[in-house]
């Protein structure tokens, strides 16, 4: 099979697209919510309906934490403790839109 000029353009395009994806991907900068005693109330709310270790692989693989249920506890505690938010911080009512919960260990 002969590779002609048209095939080389296609291969070049694929290499360029892959190169762009690799160059824009990097280390994730999103901060994790600490899994400590202070934040346990949010973790319990988020993972209250989590499938147990005896559940099927399908249920465990596609489980989504209840982020909106956990976010209810963020702002009151942060306001009470006077935890400062950095400049240009987005609205405080959607904490888990950016910050991530650590995965549940089964």
N, C-alpha and C. Protein backbone atom coordinates (compact mmCIF):
# COMPACT_ATOMS: atom_id res chain seq x y z
N UNK A 1 0.84 -1.17 0.00
CA UNK A 1 0.00 0.00 0.00
C UNK A 1 0.89 1.24 0.00
N UNK A 2 0.64 2.12 -0.91
CA UNK A 2 1.43 3.32 -1.06
C UNK A 2 0.79 4.47 -0.26
N UNK A 3 1.61 5.21 0.47
CA UNK A 3 1.14 6.38 1.21
C UNK A 3 1.40 7.60 0.34
N UNK A 4 0.33 8.25 -0.07
CA UNK A 4 0.50 9.42 -0.93
C UNK A 4 0.39 10.72 -0.13
N UNK A 5 0.40 11.84 -0.86
CA UNK A 5 0.41 13.16 -0.22
C UNK A 5 -0.85 13.39 0.63
N UNK A 6 -1.98 12.95 0.17
CA UNK A 6 -3.24 13.12 0.90
C UNK A 6 -3.20 12.38 2.23
N UNK A 7 -2.64 11.19 2.25
CA UNK A 7 -2.51 10.42 3.50
C UNK A 7 -1.57 11.12 4.48
N UNK A 8 -0.50 11.71 3.97
CA UNK A 8 0.44 12.43 4.84
C UNK A 8 -0.23 13.65 5.48
N UNK A 9 -1.08 14.35 4.73
CA UNK A 9 -1.82 15.47 5.31
C UNK A 9 -2.74 14.99 6.43
N UNK A 10 -3.39 13.87 6.23
CA UNK A 10 -4.28 13.33 7.25
C UNK A 10 -3.49 12.93 8.50
N UNK A 11 -2.37 12.26 8.31
CA UNK A 11 -1.53 11.86 9.46
C UNK A 11 -1.02 13.11 10.18
N UNK A 12 -0.63 14.14 9.41
CA UNK A 12 -0.18 15.40 10.03
C UNK A 12 -1.27 16.06 10.84
N UNK A 13 -2.50 16.02 10.32
CA UNK A 13 -3.63 16.60 11.05
C UNK A 13 -3.88 15.85 12.36
N UNK A 14 -3.83 14.53 12.31
CA UNK A 14 -4.02 13.74 13.53
C UNK A 14 -2.93 14.03 14.55
N UNK A 15 -1.68 14.12 14.11
CA UNK A 15 -0.57 14.43 15.01
C UNK A 15 -0.76 15.82 15.61
N UNK A 16 -1.21 16.79 14.82
CA UNK A 16 -1.43 18.14 15.33
C UNK A 16 -2.53 18.17 16.38
N UNK A 17 -3.63 17.47 16.15
CA UNK A 17 -4.74 17.44 17.11
C UNK A 17 -4.30 16.78 18.41
N UNK A 18 -3.61 15.66 18.31
CA UNK A 18 -3.12 14.98 19.51
C UNK A 18 -2.12 15.86 20.25
N UNK A 19 -1.27 16.56 19.53
CA UNK A 19 -0.29 17.46 20.16
C UNK A 19 -0.97 18.59 20.91
N UNK A 20 -2.02 19.15 20.34
CA UNK A 20 -2.76 20.22 21.02
C UNK A 20 -3.39 19.70 22.30
N UNK A 21 -4.01 18.52 22.25
CA UNK A 21 -4.61 17.95 23.45
C UNK A 21 -3.58 17.69 24.53
N UNK A 22 -2.44 17.18 24.16
CA UNK A 22 -1.39 16.90 25.14
C UNK A 22 -0.85 18.20 25.72
N UNK A 23 -0.69 19.23 24.88
CA UNK A 23 -0.12 20.48 25.37
C UNK A 23 -1.06 21.24 26.31
N UNK A 24 -2.38 21.14 26.09
CA UNK A 24 -3.30 21.88 26.97
C UNK A 24 -3.66 21.09 28.22
N UNK A 25 -3.39 19.81 28.22
CA UNK A 25 -3.67 19.04 29.43
C UNK A 25 -2.45 19.13 30.33
N UNK A 26 -2.72 19.16 31.58
CA UNK A 26 -1.63 19.26 32.54
C UNK A 26 -2.12 18.77 33.89
N UNK A 27 -1.38 19.13 34.88
CA UNK A 27 -1.74 18.74 36.23
C UNK A 27 -3.05 19.43 36.61
N UNK A 28 -3.93 18.68 37.22
CA UNK A 28 -5.21 19.24 37.64
C UNK A 28 -4.98 20.22 38.79
N UNK A 29 -5.57 21.40 38.68
CA UNK A 29 -5.35 22.45 39.67
C UNK A 29 -6.51 22.60 40.63
N UNK A 30 -7.55 21.82 40.45
CA UNK A 30 -8.72 21.91 41.32
C UNK A 30 -8.37 21.38 42.70
N UNK A 31 -8.73 22.14 43.71
CA UNK A 31 -8.45 21.71 45.08
C UNK A 31 -9.48 20.69 45.54
N UNK A 32 -9.01 19.69 46.27
CA UNK A 32 -9.90 18.68 46.84
C UNK A 32 -10.45 19.19 48.17
N UNK A 33 -11.66 18.79 48.46
CA UNK A 33 -12.24 19.07 49.78
C UNK A 33 -11.53 18.14 50.76
N UNK A 34 -10.97 18.67 51.83
CA UNK A 34 -10.26 17.81 52.78
C UNK A 34 -11.19 16.75 53.38
N UNK A 35 -10.68 15.56 53.52
CA UNK A 35 -11.46 14.49 54.13
C UNK A 35 -11.08 14.41 55.61
N UNK A 36 -11.47 15.44 56.35
CA UNK A 36 -11.17 15.50 57.78
C UNK A 36 -12.47 15.60 58.57
N UNK A 37 -12.34 15.68 59.88
CA UNK A 37 -13.53 15.69 60.73
C UNK A 37 -14.40 16.93 60.49
N UNK A 38 -13.82 18.03 60.10
CA UNK A 38 -14.58 19.25 59.84
C UNK A 38 -15.51 19.08 58.63
N UNK A 39 -15.05 18.38 57.62
CA UNK A 39 -15.80 18.24 56.38
C UNK A 39 -16.58 16.93 56.29
N UNK A 40 -16.59 16.14 57.34
CA UNK A 40 -17.29 14.85 57.30
C UNK A 40 -18.79 15.01 57.06
N UNK A 41 -19.39 16.09 57.54
CA UNK A 41 -20.82 16.29 57.33
C UNK A 41 -21.13 16.41 55.83
N UNK A 42 -20.26 17.08 55.09
CA UNK A 42 -20.46 17.20 53.64
C UNK A 42 -20.26 15.86 52.95
N UNK A 43 -19.25 15.10 53.36
CA UNK A 43 -19.00 13.78 52.77
C UNK A 43 -20.16 12.83 53.07
N UNK A 44 -20.68 12.87 54.30
CA UNK A 44 -21.81 12.00 54.64
C UNK A 44 -23.03 12.35 53.79
N UNK A 45 -23.28 13.65 53.58
CA UNK A 45 -24.42 14.07 52.77
C UNK A 45 -24.24 13.66 51.31
N UNK A 46 -23.03 13.78 50.81
CA UNK A 46 -22.78 13.46 49.40
C UNK A 46 -22.85 11.97 49.12
N UNK A 47 -22.38 11.17 50.07
CA UNK A 47 -22.29 9.72 49.85
C UNK A 47 -23.33 8.91 50.62
N UNK A 48 -24.42 9.56 51.06
CA UNK A 48 -25.40 8.84 51.87
C UNK A 48 -26.11 7.73 51.09
N UNK A 49 -26.26 7.88 49.78
CA UNK A 49 -26.92 6.85 48.96
C UNK A 49 -25.92 6.02 48.17
N UNK A 50 -24.68 6.02 48.58
CA UNK A 50 -23.65 5.27 47.85
C UNK A 50 -23.90 3.78 47.96
N UNK A 51 -23.69 3.05 46.86
CA UNK A 51 -23.86 1.60 46.92
C UNK A 51 -22.75 0.97 47.75
N UNK A 52 -23.08 -0.06 48.46
CA UNK A 52 -22.10 -0.74 49.29
C UNK A 52 -21.17 -1.62 48.46
N UNK A 53 -20.19 -2.22 49.11
CA UNK A 53 -19.23 -3.07 48.38
C UNK A 53 -19.89 -4.32 47.79
N UNK A 54 -21.04 -4.70 48.30
CA UNK A 54 -21.73 -5.88 47.78
C UNK A 54 -22.60 -5.56 46.56
N UNK A 55 -22.74 -4.27 46.23
CA UNK A 55 -23.55 -3.86 45.07
C UNK A 55 -22.85 -4.26 43.78
N UNK A 56 -23.62 -4.29 42.72
CA UNK A 56 -23.06 -4.70 41.43
C UNK A 56 -22.03 -3.68 40.94
N UNK A 57 -21.16 -4.16 40.09
CA UNK A 57 -20.13 -3.30 39.53
C UNK A 57 -20.77 -2.12 38.80
N UNK A 58 -21.86 -2.37 38.10
CA UNK A 58 -22.55 -1.33 37.34
C UNK A 58 -23.01 -0.20 38.26
N UNK A 59 -23.63 -0.55 39.39
CA UNK A 59 -24.11 0.48 40.33
C UNK A 59 -22.95 1.26 40.93
N UNK A 60 -21.86 0.58 41.28
CA UNK A 60 -20.71 1.26 41.87
C UNK A 60 -20.00 2.14 40.85
N UNK A 61 -19.91 1.68 39.59
CA UNK A 61 -19.19 2.43 38.57
C UNK A 61 -19.92 3.71 38.18
N UNK A 62 -21.24 3.70 38.19
CA UNK A 62 -22.00 4.86 37.72
C UNK A 62 -22.65 5.66 38.84
N UNK A 63 -22.21 5.46 40.08
CA UNK A 63 -22.73 6.24 41.19
C UNK A 63 -22.19 7.67 41.13
N UNK A 64 -23.07 8.64 41.33
CA UNK A 64 -22.67 10.05 41.40
C UNK A 64 -22.99 10.58 42.79
N UNK A 65 -22.02 11.24 43.39
CA UNK A 65 -22.23 11.82 44.71
C UNK A 65 -23.26 12.94 44.63
N UNK A 66 -24.03 13.12 45.69
CA UNK A 66 -25.05 14.17 45.77
C UNK A 66 -24.36 15.49 46.15
N UNK A 67 -23.82 16.18 45.16
CA UNK A 67 -23.07 17.41 45.41
C UNK A 67 -23.95 18.53 45.95
N UNK A 68 -25.15 18.66 45.40
CA UNK A 68 -26.04 19.74 45.87
C UNK A 68 -26.44 19.52 47.32
N UNK A 69 -26.61 18.28 47.72
CA UNK A 69 -26.93 17.98 49.11
C UNK A 69 -25.77 18.30 50.04
N UNK A 70 -24.55 18.16 49.56
CA UNK A 70 -23.38 18.45 50.38
C UNK A 70 -23.06 19.94 50.42
N UNK A 71 -23.36 20.66 49.34
CA UNK A 71 -23.04 22.09 49.27
C UNK A 71 -23.83 22.91 50.28
N UNK A 72 -24.91 22.38 50.76
CA UNK A 72 -25.73 23.09 51.74
C UNK A 72 -24.91 23.41 52.99
N UNK A 73 -23.93 22.57 53.30
CA UNK A 73 -23.16 22.73 54.54
C UNK A 73 -21.93 23.61 54.36
N UNK A 74 -21.59 23.98 53.14
CA UNK A 74 -20.34 24.72 52.90
C UNK A 74 -20.41 26.17 53.37
N UNK A 75 -21.33 26.93 52.80
CA UNK A 75 -21.33 28.38 53.06
C UNK A 75 -21.57 28.74 54.53
N UNK A 76 -22.54 28.11 55.23
CA UNK A 76 -22.73 28.51 56.64
C UNK A 76 -21.48 28.30 57.49
N UNK A 77 -20.79 27.21 57.28
CA UNK A 77 -19.59 26.92 58.09
C UNK A 77 -18.45 27.86 57.70
N UNK A 78 -18.26 28.07 56.41
CA UNK A 78 -17.18 28.97 55.97
C UNK A 78 -17.45 30.41 56.41
N UNK A 79 -18.70 30.83 56.43
CA UNK A 79 -19.04 32.18 56.89
C UNK A 79 -18.81 32.29 58.40
N UNK A 80 -19.23 31.28 59.13
CA UNK A 80 -19.07 31.29 60.59
C UNK A 80 -17.60 31.28 60.99
N UNK A 81 -16.79 30.47 60.30
CA UNK A 81 -15.36 30.36 60.62
C UNK A 81 -14.53 31.48 60.00
N UNK A 82 -15.18 32.33 59.18
CA UNK A 82 -14.52 33.44 58.49
C UNK A 82 -13.34 32.97 57.64
N UNK A 83 -13.56 31.90 56.90
CA UNK A 83 -12.55 31.41 55.98
C UNK A 83 -12.57 32.33 54.76
N UNK A 84 -11.47 33.02 54.49
CA UNK A 84 -11.48 33.98 53.37
C UNK A 84 -11.47 33.28 52.02
N UNK A 85 -12.16 33.86 51.08
CA UNK A 85 -12.14 33.36 49.72
C UNK A 85 -11.15 34.19 48.91
N UNK A 86 -10.45 33.58 47.98
CA UNK A 86 -9.47 34.35 47.19
C UNK A 86 -10.17 35.36 46.28
N UNK A 87 -9.43 36.36 45.82
CA UNK A 87 -10.04 37.32 44.89
C UNK A 87 -10.50 36.62 43.62
N UNK A 88 -11.53 37.15 43.01
CA UNK A 88 -12.12 36.59 41.79
C UNK A 88 -12.72 35.20 42.01
N UNK A 89 -13.08 34.88 43.25
CA UNK A 89 -13.70 33.59 43.54
C UNK A 89 -15.13 33.62 43.01
N UNK A 90 -15.57 32.56 42.33
CA UNK A 90 -16.95 32.54 41.82
C UNK A 90 -17.97 32.49 42.95
N UNK A 91 -19.27 32.54 42.62
CA UNK A 91 -20.31 32.51 43.66
C UNK A 91 -20.12 31.35 44.63
N UNK A 92 -20.40 31.63 45.89
CA UNK A 92 -20.11 30.67 46.95
C UNK A 92 -21.13 29.55 47.07
N UNK A 93 -22.25 29.64 46.38
CA UNK A 93 -23.28 28.62 46.57
C UNK A 93 -23.05 27.37 45.72
N UNK A 94 -22.03 27.34 44.87
CA UNK A 94 -21.74 26.17 44.04
C UNK A 94 -20.31 25.69 44.28
N UNK A 95 -19.98 25.38 45.52
CA UNK A 95 -18.62 24.98 45.89
C UNK A 95 -18.13 23.76 45.13
N UNK A 96 -18.98 22.73 45.05
CA UNK A 96 -18.53 21.48 44.46
C UNK A 96 -18.62 21.47 42.94
N UNK A 97 -18.92 22.62 42.36
CA UNK A 97 -18.84 22.74 40.91
C UNK A 97 -17.36 22.77 40.53
N UNK A 98 -16.54 23.40 41.36
CA UNK A 98 -15.09 23.47 41.10
C UNK A 98 -14.30 22.55 42.02
N UNK A 99 -14.57 22.61 43.31
CA UNK A 99 -13.84 21.76 44.26
C UNK A 99 -14.37 20.35 44.17
N UNK A 100 -13.50 19.39 44.34
CA UNK A 100 -13.90 17.99 44.18
C UNK A 100 -13.83 17.24 45.50
N UNK A 101 -14.78 16.33 45.66
CA UNK A 101 -14.75 15.43 46.81
C UNK A 101 -13.79 14.30 46.51
N UNK A 102 -13.13 13.83 47.54
CA UNK A 102 -12.26 12.68 47.34
C UNK A 102 -13.14 11.46 47.13
N UNK A 103 -12.70 10.52 46.29
CA UNK A 103 -13.53 9.35 46.01
C UNK A 103 -13.79 8.52 47.26
N UNK A 104 -14.95 7.91 47.29
CA UNK A 104 -15.33 7.06 48.40
C UNK A 104 -14.56 5.76 48.32
N UNK A 105 -13.94 5.39 49.40
CA UNK A 105 -13.17 4.13 49.46
C UNK A 105 -14.11 3.01 49.89
N UNK A 106 -14.27 2.04 49.02
CA UNK A 106 -15.13 0.89 49.34
C UNK A 106 -14.31 -0.28 49.80
